[in-house]
Amino acid sequence: VQLQASGGGLVQDGGSLRLSCAASGSTFSINAMGWYRQAPGKERELVARITSGGSTNYADSVKGRFTISRDNAKNTVYLQMNSLKPEDTAVYYCRWYITAMPEYDYWGQGTLVTVSS
């Protein structure tokens, strides 16, 4: 599985961005997809994830501001980010995985989101 993330960039405090991550290769419909982020000097953390059935989970820090969605026909996951804050600045990574099957766990290359104050 190959993942191609896009949509990062520079935005002002309070602005919005939409990230996309397209999966290609031998994909399945039972996988989950997620967005993680890593800020300088910090560990990678979960931002949001979505199961094949559409169930979602969000980090407390982004609840009410970010929305994750997926288009199974396109094998693509999206992250709509609104009301962005400088502390959202990080490299955002998408992940494609099947729970409890570590051999099916793939990461995208990352896309940089910078929020200026």
C-alpha atoms as a PDB file:
ATOM      1  CA  VAL A   1       0.000   0.000   0.000  1.00  0.00           C
ATOM      2  CA  GLN A   2       1.331   3.423  -0.939  1.00  0.00           C
ATOM      3  CA  LEU A   3       0.008   6.594   0.663  1.00  0.00           C
ATOM      4  CA  GLN A   4       0.209  10.045  -0.871  1.00  0.00           C
ATOM      5  CA  ALA A   5      -0.616  12.930   1.432  1.00  0.00           C
ATOM      6  CA  SER A   6      -1.267  16.461   0.264  1.00  0.00           C
ATOM      7  CA  GLY A   7      -2.840  19.730   1.335  1.00  0.00           C
ATOM      8  CA  GLY A   8      -0.391  21.093   3.859  1.00  0.00           C
ATOM      9  CA  GLY A   9       0.851  24.645   3.799  1.00  0.00           C
ATOM     10  CA  LEU A  10       1.096  27.948   5.607  1.00  0.00           C
ATOM     11  CA  VAL A  11      -2.052  29.475   7.103  1.00  0.00           C
ATOM     12  CA  GLN A  12      -2.790  32.212   9.589  1.00  0.00           C
ATOM     13  CA  ASP A  13      -4.175  31.685  13.061  1.00  0.00           C
ATOM     14  CA  GLY A  14      -7.892  30.884  12.731  1.00  0.00           C
ATOM     15  CA  GLY A  15      -7.594  29.697   9.164  1.00  0.00           C
ATOM     16  CA  SER A  16      -8.494  26.384   7.550  1.00  0.00           C
ATOM     17  CA  LEU A  17      -6.797  23.650   5.572  1.00  0.00           C
ATOM     18  CA  ARG A  18      -7.919  20.338   4.137  1.00  0.00           C
ATOM     19  CA  LEU A  19      -5.510  17.429   4.021  1.00  0.00           C
ATOM     20  CA  SER A  20      -5.972  14.460   1.701  1.00  0.00           C
ATOM     21  CA  CYS A  21      -4.343  11.063   1.703  1.00  0.00           C
ATOM     22  CA  ALA A  22      -4.860   8.661  -1.178  1.00  0.00           C
ATOM     23  CA  ALA A  23      -4.025   4.984  -0.815  1.00  0.00           C
ATOM     24  CA  SER A  24      -3.026   2.849  -3.761  1.00  0.00           C
ATOM     25  CA  GLY A  25      -1.889  -0.713  -4.218  1.00  0.00           C
ATOM     26  CA  SER A  26      -3.428  -3.753  -2.565  1.00  0.00           C
ATOM     27  CA  THR A  27      -5.994  -2.029  -0.416  1.00  0.00           C
ATOM     28  CA  PHE A  28      -8.864  -3.557   1.512  1.00  0.00           C
ATOM     29  CA  SER A  29     -12.190  -2.254   2.671  1.00  0.00           C
ATOM     30  CA  ILE A  30     -11.696  -3.348   6.296  1.00  0.00           C
ATOM     31  CA  ASN A  31      -8.847  -1.005   7.057  1.00  0.00           C
ATOM     32  CA  ALA A  32      -8.827   1.986   9.340  1.00  0.00           C
ATOM     33  CA  MET A  33      -7.179   5.264   8.407  1.00  0.00           C
ATOM     34  CA  GLY A  34      -5.846   8.010  10.555  1.00  0.00           C
ATOM     35  CA  TRP A  35      -3.974  11.252  10.776  1.00  0.00           C
ATOM     36  CA  TYR A  36      -1.098  11.758  13.171  1.00  0.00           C
ATOM     37  CA  ARG A  37       1.167  14.736  13.696  1.00  0.00           C
ATOM     38  CA  GLN A  38       4.627  15.425  15.007  1.00  0.00           C
ATOM     39  CA  ALA A  39       5.733  18.850  16.114  1.00  0.00           C
ATOM     40  CA  PRO A  40       9.438  19.722  16.484  1.00  0.00           C
ATOM     41  CA  GLY A  41      10.870  18.143  19.604  1.00  0.00           C
ATOM     42  CA  LYS A  42       7.703  16.205  20.329  1.00  0.00           C
ATOM     43  CA  GLU A  43       6.528  12.662  19.810  1.00  0.00           C
ATOM     44  CA  ARG A  44       4.102  11.701  17.080  1.00  0.00           C
ATOM     45  CA  GLU A  45       0.534  11.830  18.305  1.00  0.00           C
ATOM     46  CA  LEU A  46      -2.855  10.731  17.066  1.00  0.00           C
ATOM     47  CA  VAL A  47      -4.997  13.512  15.639  1.00  0.00           C
ATOM     48  CA  ALA A  48      -7.987  11.563  14.329  1.00  0.00           C
ATOM     49  CA  ARG A  49      -8.859   8.165  12.975  1.00  0.00           C
ATOM     50  CA  ILE A  50     -11.753   6.570  11.165  1.00  0.00           C
ATOM     51  CA  THR A  51     -12.719   2.926  10.821  1.00  0.00           C
ATOM     52  CA  SER A  52     -14.015   1.186   7.738  1.00  0.00           C
ATOM     53  CA  GLY A  53     -17.506   1.613   9.156  1.00  0.00           C
ATOM     54  CA  GLY A  54     -17.096   5.328   9.669  1.00  0.00           C
ATOM     55  CA  SER A  55     -16.553   5.465  13.427  1.00  0.00           C
ATOM     56  CA  THR A  56     -14.246   8.291  14.416  1.00  0.00           C
ATOM     57  CA  ASN A  57     -11.952   9.255  17.276  1.00  0.00           C
ATOM     58  CA  TYR A  58     -10.275  12.605  17.862  1.00  0.00           C
ATOM     59  CA  ALA A  59      -7.583  13.968  20.104  1.00  0.00           C
ATOM     60  CA  ASP A  60      -9.076  16.249  22.733  1.00  0.00           C
ATOM     61  CA  SER A  61      -7.024  19.145  21.397  1.00  0.00           C
ATOM     62  CA  VAL A  62      -8.770  19.071  17.995  1.00  0.00           C
ATOM     63  CA  LYS A  63     -12.330  18.092  18.899  1.00  0.00           C
ATOM     64  CA  GLY A  64     -14.828  20.511  17.434  1.00  0.00           C
ATOM     65  CA  ARG A  65     -12.259  21.963  15.022  1.00  0.00           C
ATOM     66  CA  PHE A  66     -11.095  19.026  12.890  1.00  0.00           C
ATOM     67  CA  THR A  67     -13.190  16.532  10.952  1.00  0.00           C
ATOM     68  CA  ILE A  68     -11.935  13.279   9.483  1.00  0.00           C
ATOM     69  CA  SER A  69     -13.778  11.581   6.639  1.00  0.00           C
ATOM     70  CA  ARG A  70     -13.103   8.927   4.040  1.00  0.00           C
ATOM     71  CA  ASP A  71     -14.170   8.017   0.550  1.00  0.00           C
ATOM     72  CA  ASN A  72     -13.888   4.240   0.295  1.00  0.00           C
ATOM     73  CA  ALA A  73     -14.428   4.262  -3.452  1.00  0.00           C
ATOM     74  CA  LYS A  74     -11.362   6.466  -3.829  1.00  0.00           C
ATOM     75  CA  ASN A  75      -9.381   4.909  -0.952  1.00  0.00           C
ATOM     76  CA  THR A  76      -8.875   8.421   0.325  1.00  0.00           C
ATOM     77  CA  VAL A  77      -9.054   9.950   3.782  1.00  0.00           C
ATOM     78  CA  TYR A  78      -9.492  13.655   4.441  1.00  0.00           C
ATOM     79  CA  LEU A  79      -8.833  15.914   7.399  1.00  0.00           C
ATOM     80  CA  GLN A  80     -10.707  19.197   7.415  1.00  0.00           C
ATOM     81  CA  MET A  81      -8.969  21.524   9.829  1.00  0.00           C
ATOM     82  CA  ASN A  82     -10.752  24.678  10.935  1.00  0.00           C
ATOM     83  CA  SER A  83      -9.921  27.334  13.515  1.00  0.00           C
ATOM     84  CA  LEU A  84      -6.265  26.430  13.257  1.00  0.00           C
ATOM     85  CA  LYS A  85      -3.932  27.502  16.037  1.00  0.00           C
ATOM     86  CA  PRO A  86      -0.152  27.957  16.106  1.00  0.00           C
ATOM     87  CA  GLU A  87       0.074  24.861  18.298  1.00  0.00           C
ATOM     88  CA  ASP A  88      -1.338  22.826  15.403  1.00  0.00           C
ATOM     89  CA  THR A  89       1.913  23.418  13.537  1.00  0.00           C
ATOM     90  CA  ALA A  90       3.446  20.028  12.764  1.00  0.00           C
ATOM     91  CA  VAL A  91       4.156  17.488  10.093  1.00  0.00           C
ATOM     92  CA  TYR A  92       0.952  15.537   9.524  1.00  0.00           C
ATOM     93  CA  TYR A  93       1.144  11.876   8.582  1.00  0.00           C
ATOM     94  CA  CYS A  94      -1.585   9.607   7.321  1.00  0.00           C
ATOM     95  CA  ARG A  95      -1.765   5.996   8.285  1.00  0.00           C
ATOM     96  CA  TRP A  96      -3.508   3.016   6.705  1.00  0.00           C
ATOM     97  CA  TYR A  97      -3.809  -0.063   8.878  1.00  0.00           C
ATOM     98  CA  ILE A  98      -5.794  -3.098   9.859  1.00  0.00           C
ATOM     99  CA  THR A  99      -6.253  -3.385  13.593  1.00  0.00           C
ATOM    100  CA  ALA A 100      -4.291  -6.253  15.235  1.00  0.00           C
ATOM    101  CA  MET A 101      -2.489  -7.035  11.984  1.00  0.00           C
ATOM    102  CA  PRO A 102       0.886  -5.247  12.150  1.00  0.00           C
ATOM    103  CA  GLU A 103       1.898  -6.541   8.739  1.00  0.00           C
ATOM    104  CA  TYR A 104      -0.770  -4.233   7.342  1.00  0.00           C
ATOM    105  CA  ASP A 105       0.379  -0.912   8.754  1.00  0.00           C
ATOM    106  CA  TYR A 106       1.531   1.800   6.361  1.00  0.00           C
ATOM    107  CA  TRP A 107       2.451   5.473   6.707  1.00  0.00           C
ATOM    108  CA  GLY A 108       2.495   8.329   4.263  1.00  0.00           C
ATOM    109  CA  GLN A 109       5.424  10.690   3.773  1.00  0.00           C
ATOM    110  CA  GLY A 110       4.018  13.568   5.821  1.00  0.00           C
ATOM    111  CA  THR A 111       2.826  17.022   4.896  1.00  0.00           C
ATOM    112  CA  LEU A 112       3.831  20.167   6.765  1.00  0.00           C
ATOM    113  CA  VAL A 113       1.195  22.413   8.291  1.00  0.00           C
ATOM    114  CA  THR A 114       2.386  25.763   9.607  1.00  0.00           C
ATOM    115  CA  VAL A 115       0.034  28.099  11.452  1.00  0.00           C
ATOM    116  CA  SER A 116       1.336  31.612  11.935  1.00  0.00           C
ATOM    117  CA  SER A 117       0.216  33.854  14.790  1.00  0.00           C
END
